[in-house]
């Protein structure tokens, strides 16, 4: 099942695209703590899923970080990316890209693309870095725009 469909089902089931509400309804503990240069991470301790978010981030960055980490919780609940990064040669690029795509799909609902504004403007208003917004199902997004220039309008 694709990430867009997973996010659609998730938002329908929880009645929201707010990552904090979804996490709470899924019994995922969200902790705000000083993490230095780390934006956040997801882990499970004694079968309790937890999202850790840097408390020094802006509210918008905290929301994006929660969306990204919720992506890990939903898509990769058993993976320990810090361990993989530190102790193996396994590439975690695909895992991080999927979590970013999940965050873009969650934070930029399809309805926002219908009003003719640029993807960059929509991403900015919703706290999604524009590079990550480009991960939002590009083939489906093209139907909302007449041409590639109006699609990006950077």
N, C-alpha and C. Protein backbone atom coordinates (compact mmCIF):
# COMPACT_ATOMS: atom_id res chain seq x y z
N UNK A 1 0.84 -1.17 0.00
CA UNK A 1 0.00 0.00 0.00
C UNK A 1 0.89 1.24 0.00
N UNK A 2 0.55 2.22 -0.82
CA UNK A 2 1.35 3.42 -0.94
C UNK A 2 1.19 4.35 0.26
N UNK A 3 2.15 5.24 0.41
CA UNK A 3 2.14 6.17 1.54
C UNK A 3 0.93 7.10 1.47
N UNK A 4 0.58 7.57 0.27
CA UNK A 4 -0.59 8.44 0.16
C UNK A 4 -1.84 7.76 0.69
N UNK A 5 -2.04 6.50 0.33
CA UNK A 5 -3.22 5.76 0.80
C UNK A 5 -3.17 5.53 2.31
N UNK A 6 -2.00 5.22 2.84
CA UNK A 6 -1.85 5.03 4.28
C UNK A 6 -2.23 6.31 5.02
N UNK A 7 -1.72 7.46 4.54
CA UNK A 7 -2.04 8.74 5.18
C UNK A 7 -3.52 9.06 5.04
N UNK A 8 -4.11 8.81 3.88
CA UNK A 8 -5.54 9.05 3.69
C UNK A 8 -6.38 8.25 4.68
N UNK A 9 -6.06 6.97 4.82
CA UNK A 9 -6.80 6.13 5.76
C UNK A 9 -6.60 6.59 7.20
N UNK A 10 -5.38 6.98 7.51
CA UNK A 10 -5.04 7.44 8.86
C UNK A 10 -5.80 8.71 9.22
N UNK A 11 -5.82 9.68 8.31
CA UNK A 11 -6.52 10.95 8.59
C UNK A 11 -8.03 10.74 8.65
N UNK A 12 -8.53 9.85 7.84
CA UNK A 12 -9.97 9.55 7.89
C UNK A 12 -10.33 8.87 9.21
N UNK A 13 -9.53 7.91 9.62
CA UNK A 13 -9.78 7.16 10.85
C UNK A 13 -9.70 8.05 12.08
N UNK A 14 -8.74 8.98 12.09
CA UNK A 14 -8.53 9.82 13.26
C UNK A 14 -9.22 11.18 13.17
N UNK A 15 -9.80 11.49 12.01
CA UNK A 15 -10.54 12.72 11.85
C UNK A 15 -9.68 13.97 11.88
N UNK A 16 -8.40 13.82 11.58
CA UNK A 16 -7.48 14.96 11.65
C UNK A 16 -6.19 14.62 10.89
N UNK A 17 -5.49 15.69 10.46
CA UNK A 17 -4.15 15.48 9.92
C UNK A 17 -3.11 16.05 10.88
N UNK A 18 -3.54 16.38 12.10
CA UNK A 18 -2.62 16.88 13.12
C UNK A 18 -1.83 15.71 13.69
N UNK A 19 -0.50 15.73 13.55
CA UNK A 19 0.30 14.58 14.00
C UNK A 19 0.23 14.35 15.50
N UNK A 20 0.03 15.41 16.28
CA UNK A 20 -0.05 15.26 17.73
C UNK A 20 -1.35 14.55 18.13
N UNK A 21 -2.43 14.86 17.46
CA UNK A 21 -3.71 14.21 17.73
C UNK A 21 -3.64 12.74 17.32
N UNK A 22 -3.09 12.48 16.14
CA UNK A 22 -2.97 11.09 15.67
C UNK A 22 -2.09 10.29 16.62
N UNK A 23 -0.97 10.85 17.03
CA UNK A 23 -0.07 10.15 17.95
C UNK A 23 -0.79 9.83 19.26
N UNK A 24 -1.52 10.81 19.80
CA UNK A 24 -2.23 10.59 21.06
C UNK A 24 -3.28 9.49 20.91
N UNK A 25 -4.03 9.51 19.80
CA UNK A 25 -5.06 8.51 19.59
C UNK A 25 -4.48 7.12 19.34
N UNK A 26 -3.23 7.06 18.91
CA UNK A 26 -2.57 5.77 18.68
C UNK A 26 -1.72 5.35 19.88
N UNK A 27 -1.85 6.09 20.98
CA UNK A 27 -1.09 5.82 22.21
C UNK A 27 0.42 5.87 21.99
N UNK A 28 0.84 6.84 21.18
CA UNK A 28 2.26 7.09 20.99
C UNK A 28 2.61 8.28 21.87
N UNK A 29 3.50 8.08 22.80
CA UNK A 29 3.91 9.13 23.73
C UNK A 29 4.77 10.15 22.99
N UNK A 30 4.44 11.43 23.12
CA UNK A 30 5.23 12.49 22.49
C UNK A 30 5.91 13.27 23.62
N UNK A 31 7.24 13.30 23.57
CA UNK A 31 8.04 13.96 24.60
C UNK A 31 8.79 15.14 24.00
N UNK A 32 8.78 16.27 24.70
CA UNK A 32 9.53 17.45 24.29
C UNK A 32 10.70 17.57 25.25
N UNK A 33 11.91 17.56 24.68
CA UNK A 33 13.10 17.57 25.52
C UNK A 33 14.27 18.22 24.80
N UNK A 34 15.27 18.67 25.55
CA UNK A 34 16.44 19.27 24.89
C UNK A 34 17.25 18.18 24.18
N UNK A 35 17.35 18.31 22.87
CA UNK A 35 18.05 17.28 22.08
C UNK A 35 19.27 17.85 21.35
N UNK A 36 19.69 19.05 21.71
CA UNK A 36 20.85 19.65 21.04
C UNK A 36 20.56 19.90 19.58
N UNK A 37 21.37 19.34 18.70
CA UNK A 37 21.22 19.56 17.26
C UNK A 37 20.28 18.58 16.58
N UNK A 38 19.67 17.68 17.33
CA UNK A 38 18.76 16.69 16.76
C UNK A 38 17.33 17.23 16.82
N UNK A 39 16.62 17.14 15.70
CA UNK A 39 15.24 17.63 15.66
C UNK A 39 14.29 16.68 16.40
N UNK A 40 14.52 15.39 16.25
CA UNK A 40 13.68 14.42 16.93
C UNK A 40 14.03 13.01 16.53
N UNK A 41 13.41 12.06 17.21
CA UNK A 41 13.60 10.66 16.85
C UNK A 41 12.44 9.84 17.41
N UNK A 42 12.28 8.64 16.86
CA UNK A 42 11.24 7.71 17.30
C UNK A 42 11.92 6.48 17.88
N UNK A 43 11.38 5.99 18.99
CA UNK A 43 11.87 4.72 19.52
C UNK A 43 10.74 4.03 20.27
N UNK A 44 10.98 2.79 20.62
CA UNK A 44 10.06 2.01 21.43
C UNK A 44 10.84 1.49 22.62
N UNK A 45 10.29 1.68 23.81
CA UNK A 45 10.92 1.19 25.02
C UNK A 45 9.88 0.40 25.80
N UNK A 46 10.17 -0.85 26.07
CA UNK A 46 9.24 -1.75 26.76
C UNK A 46 7.86 -1.71 26.10
N UNK A 47 7.87 -1.79 24.78
CA UNK A 47 6.67 -1.82 23.93
C UNK A 47 5.86 -0.52 23.98
N UNK A 48 6.48 0.56 24.46
CA UNK A 48 5.81 1.86 24.47
C UNK A 48 6.44 2.69 23.36
N UNK A 49 5.67 3.01 22.31
CA UNK A 49 6.22 3.84 21.23
C UNK A 49 6.31 5.30 21.69
N UNK A 50 7.44 5.94 21.35
CA UNK A 50 7.68 7.32 21.78
C UNK A 50 8.27 8.15 20.65
N UNK A 51 7.77 9.37 20.54
CA UNK A 51 8.35 10.36 19.64
C UNK A 51 8.99 11.41 20.51
N UNK A 52 10.27 11.63 20.30
CA UNK A 52 11.02 12.64 21.04
C UNK A 52 11.22 13.84 20.12
N UNK A 53 10.86 15.03 20.61
CA UNK A 53 10.95 16.24 19.80
C UNK A 53 11.78 17.28 20.56
N UNK A 54 12.68 17.92 19.83
CA UNK A 54 13.53 18.96 20.43
C UNK A 54 12.64 20.12 20.88
N UNK A 55 12.71 20.46 22.17
CA UNK A 55 11.85 21.51 22.71
C UNK A 55 12.30 22.92 22.31
N UNK A 56 13.43 23.03 21.65
CA UNK A 56 13.93 24.34 21.21
C UNK A 56 13.48 24.70 19.79
N UNK A 57 12.80 23.77 19.12
CA UNK A 57 12.31 24.02 17.76
C UNK A 57 11.09 24.94 17.82
N UNK A 58 10.87 25.65 16.72
CA UNK A 58 9.64 26.46 16.62
C UNK A 58 8.44 25.52 16.60
N UNK A 59 7.27 26.06 16.85
CA UNK A 59 6.05 25.26 16.86
C UNK A 59 5.84 24.56 15.51
N UNK A 60 6.13 25.29 14.43
CA UNK A 60 5.96 24.72 13.09
C UNK A 60 6.95 23.57 12.85
N UNK A 61 8.21 23.77 13.28
CA UNK A 61 9.21 22.71 13.12
C UNK A 61 8.89 21.52 14.00
N UNK A 62 8.31 21.75 15.18
CA UNK A 62 7.90 20.65 16.05
C UNK A 62 6.81 19.83 15.37
N UNK A 63 5.88 20.52 14.71
CA UNK A 63 4.80 19.81 14.01
C UNK A 63 5.35 18.97 12.86
N UNK A 64 6.29 19.56 12.09
CA UNK A 64 6.89 18.79 11.00
C UNK A 64 7.66 17.59 11.55
N UNK A 65 8.44 17.81 12.61
CA UNK A 65 9.22 16.73 13.20
C UNK A 65 8.31 15.63 13.71
N UNK A 66 7.21 16.01 14.34
CA UNK A 66 6.25 15.01 14.83
C UNK A 66 5.67 14.22 13.65
N UNK A 67 5.36 14.90 12.54
CA UNK A 67 4.84 14.22 11.35
C UNK A 67 5.86 13.22 10.81
N UNK A 68 7.11 13.66 10.72
CA UNK A 68 8.19 12.79 10.20
C UNK A 68 8.34 11.57 11.11
N UNK A 69 8.42 11.80 12.41
CA UNK A 69 8.61 10.68 13.35
C UNK A 69 7.38 9.79 13.42
N UNK A 70 6.19 10.37 13.24
CA UNK A 70 4.98 9.56 13.16
C UNK A 70 5.06 8.65 11.93
N UNK A 71 5.66 9.16 10.87
CA UNK A 71 5.89 8.33 9.68
C UNK A 71 6.73 7.11 10.01
N UNK A 72 7.79 7.32 10.80
CA UNK A 72 8.59 6.17 11.23
C UNK A 72 7.75 5.21 12.07
N UNK A 73 6.94 5.76 12.98
CA UNK A 73 6.14 4.92 13.87
C UNK A 73 5.14 4.07 13.09
N UNK A 74 4.58 4.64 12.01
CA UNK A 74 3.58 3.92 11.21
C UNK A 74 4.24 3.00 10.19
N UNK A 75 5.24 3.53 9.49
CA UNK A 75 5.85 2.78 8.37
C UNK A 75 6.97 1.84 8.80
N UNK A 76 7.71 2.21 9.85
CA UNK A 76 8.90 1.44 10.26
C UNK A 76 8.91 1.23 11.77
N UNK A 77 7.87 0.67 12.34
CA UNK A 77 7.78 0.63 13.81
C UNK A 77 8.87 -0.19 14.50
N UNK A 78 9.45 -1.13 13.80
CA UNK A 78 10.44 -2.00 14.44
C UNK A 78 11.89 -1.65 14.09
N UNK A 79 12.08 -0.66 13.22
CA UNK A 79 13.44 -0.30 12.83
C UNK A 79 14.06 0.66 13.82
N UNK A 80 15.34 0.47 14.06
CA UNK A 80 16.09 1.35 14.94
C UNK A 80 17.14 2.05 14.07
N UNK A 81 16.75 3.18 13.46
CA UNK A 81 17.66 3.84 12.52
C UNK A 81 18.95 4.34 13.15
N UNK A 82 18.95 4.87 14.40
CA UNK A 82 20.25 5.24 14.98
C UNK A 82 21.20 4.04 15.08
N UNK A 83 20.66 2.87 15.46
CA UNK A 83 21.49 1.67 15.53
C UNK A 83 22.00 1.29 14.15
N UNK A 84 21.10 1.29 13.14
CA UNK A 84 21.51 0.93 11.79
C UNK A 84 22.60 1.87 11.28
N UNK A 85 22.42 3.16 11.55
CA UNK A 85 23.38 4.16 11.09
C UNK A 85 24.75 3.95 11.75
N UNK A 86 24.73 3.66 13.04
CA UNK A 86 25.96 3.57 13.82
C UNK A 86 26.69 2.23 13.67
N UNK A 87 25.94 1.13 13.54
CA UNK A 87 26.56 -0.19 13.65
C UNK A 87 26.48 -1.07 12.42
N UNK A 88 25.87 -0.58 11.34
CA UNK A 88 25.78 -1.41 10.14
C UNK A 88 26.10 -0.57 8.91
N UNK A 89 26.17 -1.24 7.78
CA UNK A 89 26.36 -0.56 6.52
C UNK A 89 25.05 -0.40 5.75
N UNK A 90 23.94 -0.71 6.42
CA UNK A 90 22.63 -0.60 5.79
C UNK A 90 22.33 0.88 5.54
N UNK A 91 21.91 1.19 4.31
CA UNK A 91 21.55 2.56 3.98
C UNK A 91 20.16 2.89 4.55
N UNK A 92 20.08 4.00 5.24
CA UNK A 92 18.79 4.40 5.80
C UNK A 92 18.14 5.50 4.95
N UNK A 93 18.73 5.79 3.79
CA UNK A 93 18.19 6.84 2.93
C UNK A 93 16.73 6.59 2.55
N UNK A 94 16.40 5.36 2.18
CA UNK A 94 15.03 5.03 1.78
C UNK A 94 14.08 5.21 2.96
N UNK A 95 14.49 4.81 4.13
CA UNK A 95 13.67 4.92 5.33
C UNK A 95 13.37 6.39 5.64
N UNK A 96 14.39 7.23 5.57
CA UNK A 96 14.21 8.66 5.85
C UNK A 96 13.37 9.32 4.76
N UNK A 97 13.57 8.92 3.51
CA UNK A 97 12.77 9.48 2.41
C UNK A 97 11.30 9.13 2.59
N UNK A 98 11.01 7.91 2.99
CA UNK A 98 9.62 7.50 3.21
C UNK A 98 8.99 8.29 4.36
N UNK A 99 9.74 8.52 5.43
CA UNK A 99 9.21 9.31 6.55
C UNK A 99 8.97 10.75 6.12
N UNK A 100 9.85 11.29 5.27
CA UNK A 100 9.64 12.64 4.74
C UNK A 100 8.42 12.70 3.83
N UNK A 101 8.24 11.69 3.00
CA UNK A 101 7.07 11.64 2.12
C UNK A 101 5.79 11.54 2.95
N UNK A 102 5.83 10.74 4.00
CA UNK A 102 4.69 10.61 4.90
C UNK A 102 4.35 11.98 5.50
N UNK A 103 5.37 12.71 5.97
CA UNK A 103 5.15 14.03 6.56
C UNK A 103 4.55 15.00 5.54
N UNK A 104 5.05 14.97 4.30
CA UNK A 104 4.52 15.85 3.25
C UNK A 104 3.07 15.52 2.95
N UNK A 105 2.75 14.24 2.84
CA UNK A 105 1.37 13.83 2.57
C UNK A 105 0.45 14.22 3.72
N UNK A 106 0.93 14.08 4.95
CA UNK A 106 0.11 14.40 6.12
C UNK A 106 -0.12 15.90 6.26
N UNK A 107 0.91 16.68 6.06
CA UNK A 107 0.84 18.12 6.33
C UNK A 107 0.31 18.94 5.15
N UNK A 108 0.29 18.36 3.96
CA UNK A 108 -0.23 19.06 2.78
C UNK A 108 -1.36 18.22 2.18
N UNK A 109 -2.56 18.35 2.73
CA UNK A 109 -3.69 17.59 2.16
C UNK A 109 -3.94 17.99 0.71
N UNK A 110 -4.44 17.06 -0.08
CA UNK A 110 -4.70 17.31 -1.51
C UNK A 110 -5.59 18.53 -1.73
N UNK A 111 -6.54 18.78 -0.83
CA UNK A 111 -7.46 19.90 -1.01
C UNK A 111 -6.72 21.24 -1.09
N UNK A 112 -5.59 21.36 -0.42
CA UNK A 112 -4.83 22.61 -0.45
C UNK A 112 -4.26 22.91 -1.83
N UNK A 113 -4.12 21.88 -2.65
CA UNK A 113 -3.53 22.05 -3.97
C UNK A 113 -4.55 22.55 -5.00
N UNK A 114 -5.80 22.59 -4.62
CA UNK A 114 -6.85 22.95 -5.57
C UNK A 114 -7.05 24.45 -5.76
N UNK A 115 -6.51 25.28 -4.87
CA UNK A 115 -6.83 26.71 -4.94
C UNK A 115 -5.87 27.52 -5.81
N UNK A 116 -4.95 26.86 -6.49
CA UNK A 116 -4.11 27.55 -7.47
C UNK A 116 -2.83 28.15 -6.91
N UNK A 117 -2.60 28.08 -5.61
CA UNK A 117 -1.35 28.59 -5.05
C UNK A 117 -0.21 27.63 -5.39
N UNK A 118 1.01 28.16 -5.32
CA UNK A 118 2.16 27.32 -5.64
C UNK A 118 2.42 26.32 -4.52
N UNK A 119 3.05 25.23 -4.87
CA UNK A 119 3.42 24.22 -3.89
C UNK A 119 4.36 24.81 -2.86
N UNK A 120 5.26 25.69 -3.29
CA UNK A 120 6.22 26.31 -2.37
C UNK A 120 5.48 27.14 -1.32
N UNK A 121 4.48 27.93 -1.75
CA UNK A 121 3.70 28.74 -0.81
C UNK A 121 2.92 27.86 0.17
N UNK A 122 2.31 26.82 -0.35
CA UNK A 122 1.53 25.91 0.49
C UNK A 122 2.45 25.22 1.50
N UNK A 123 3.61 24.79 1.04
CA UNK A 123 4.56 24.13 1.93
C UNK A 123 5.01 25.08 3.03
N UNK A 124 5.34 26.30 2.65
CA UNK A 124 5.81 27.29 3.62
C UNK A 124 4.74 27.56 4.69
N UNK A 125 3.50 27.74 4.26
CA UNK A 125 2.41 28.01 5.19
C UNK A 125 2.15 26.86 6.15
N UNK A 126 2.50 25.64 5.73
CA UNK A 126 2.24 24.46 6.54
C UNK A 126 3.48 23.89 7.23
N UNK A 127 4.58 24.62 7.15
CA UNK A 127 5.79 24.21 7.86
C UNK A 127 6.53 23.04 7.25
N UNK A 128 6.36 22.84 5.96
CA UNK A 128 7.05 21.75 5.27
C UNK A 128 8.15 22.33 4.40
N UNK A 129 9.41 21.92 4.61
CA UNK A 129 10.46 22.40 3.71
C UNK A 129 10.09 22.07 2.26
N UNK A 130 10.29 23.03 1.35
CA UNK A 130 9.81 22.83 -0.02
C UNK A 130 10.44 21.62 -0.69
N UNK A 131 11.70 21.30 -0.34
CA UNK A 131 12.34 20.12 -0.93
C UNK A 131 11.58 18.84 -0.54
N UNK A 132 11.06 18.83 0.66
CA UNK A 132 10.30 17.67 1.12
C UNK A 132 8.90 17.68 0.54
N UNK A 133 8.34 18.88 0.35
CA UNK A 133 7.01 18.98 -0.26
C UNK A 133 7.01 18.36 -1.65
N UNK A 134 8.15 18.40 -2.33
CA UNK A 134 8.25 17.82 -3.67
C UNK A 134 8.07 16.30 -3.66
N UNK A 135 8.18 15.68 -2.48
CA UNK A 135 7.97 14.23 -2.36
C UNK A 135 6.50 13.86 -2.38
N UNK A 136 5.64 14.85 -2.23
CA UNK A 136 4.20 14.58 -2.20
C UNK A 136 3.76 14.03 -3.55
N UNK A 137 3.52 12.81 -3.64
CA UNK A 137 3.00 12.09 -4.82
C UNK A 137 3.01 12.93 -6.09
N UNK A 138 4.18 13.15 -6.68
CA UNK A 138 4.28 14.05 -7.84
C UNK A 138 3.34 13.70 -8.98
N UNK A 139 3.14 12.44 -9.27
CA UNK A 139 2.28 12.08 -10.39
C UNK A 139 0.83 12.51 -10.14
N UNK A 140 0.38 12.39 -8.91
CA UNK A 140 -0.98 12.80 -8.59
C UNK A 140 -1.11 14.31 -8.54
N UNK A 141 -0.07 15.00 -8.11
CA UNK A 141 -0.14 16.45 -7.99
C UNK A 141 -0.23 17.11 -9.35
N UNK A 142 0.32 16.51 -10.37
CA UNK A 142 0.30 17.12 -11.70
C UNK A 142 -1.12 17.35 -12.21
N UNK A 143 -2.07 16.57 -11.72
CA UNK A 143 -3.45 16.77 -12.18
C UNK A 143 -4.03 18.07 -11.63
N UNK A 144 -3.43 18.61 -10.57
CA UNK A 144 -3.92 19.85 -9.99
C UNK A 144 -3.35 21.09 -10.69
N UNK A 145 -2.33 20.90 -11.52
CA UNK A 145 -1.65 22.02 -12.15
C UNK A 145 -1.64 21.84 -13.66
N UNK A 146 -1.73 22.96 -14.37
CA UNK A 146 -1.75 22.91 -15.84
C UNK A 146 -0.40 22.49 -16.42
N UNK A 147 0.68 23.00 -15.84
CA UNK A 147 2.01 22.70 -16.36
C UNK A 147 3.01 22.69 -15.21
N UNK A 148 4.22 22.29 -15.53
CA UNK A 148 5.24 22.17 -14.49
C UNK A 148 5.59 23.52 -13.88
N UNK A 149 5.52 24.58 -14.64
CA UNK A 149 5.85 25.91 -14.11
C UNK A 149 4.84 26.34 -13.04
N UNK A 150 3.55 26.13 -13.28
CA UNK A 150 2.57 26.51 -12.27
C UNK A 150 2.64 25.53 -11.10
N UNK A 151 3.12 24.31 -11.34
CA UNK A 151 3.29 23.32 -10.30
C UNK A 151 4.31 23.80 -9.28
N UNK A 152 5.44 24.29 -9.74
CA UNK A 152 6.50 24.70 -8.82
C UNK A 152 6.45 26.19 -8.48
N UNK A 153 6.37 27.03 -9.49
CA UNK A 153 6.39 28.48 -9.31
C UNK A 153 7.33 28.92 -8.20
N UNK A 154 8.58 28.55 -8.32
CA UNK A 154 9.59 28.87 -7.31
C UNK A 154 10.10 30.29 -7.55
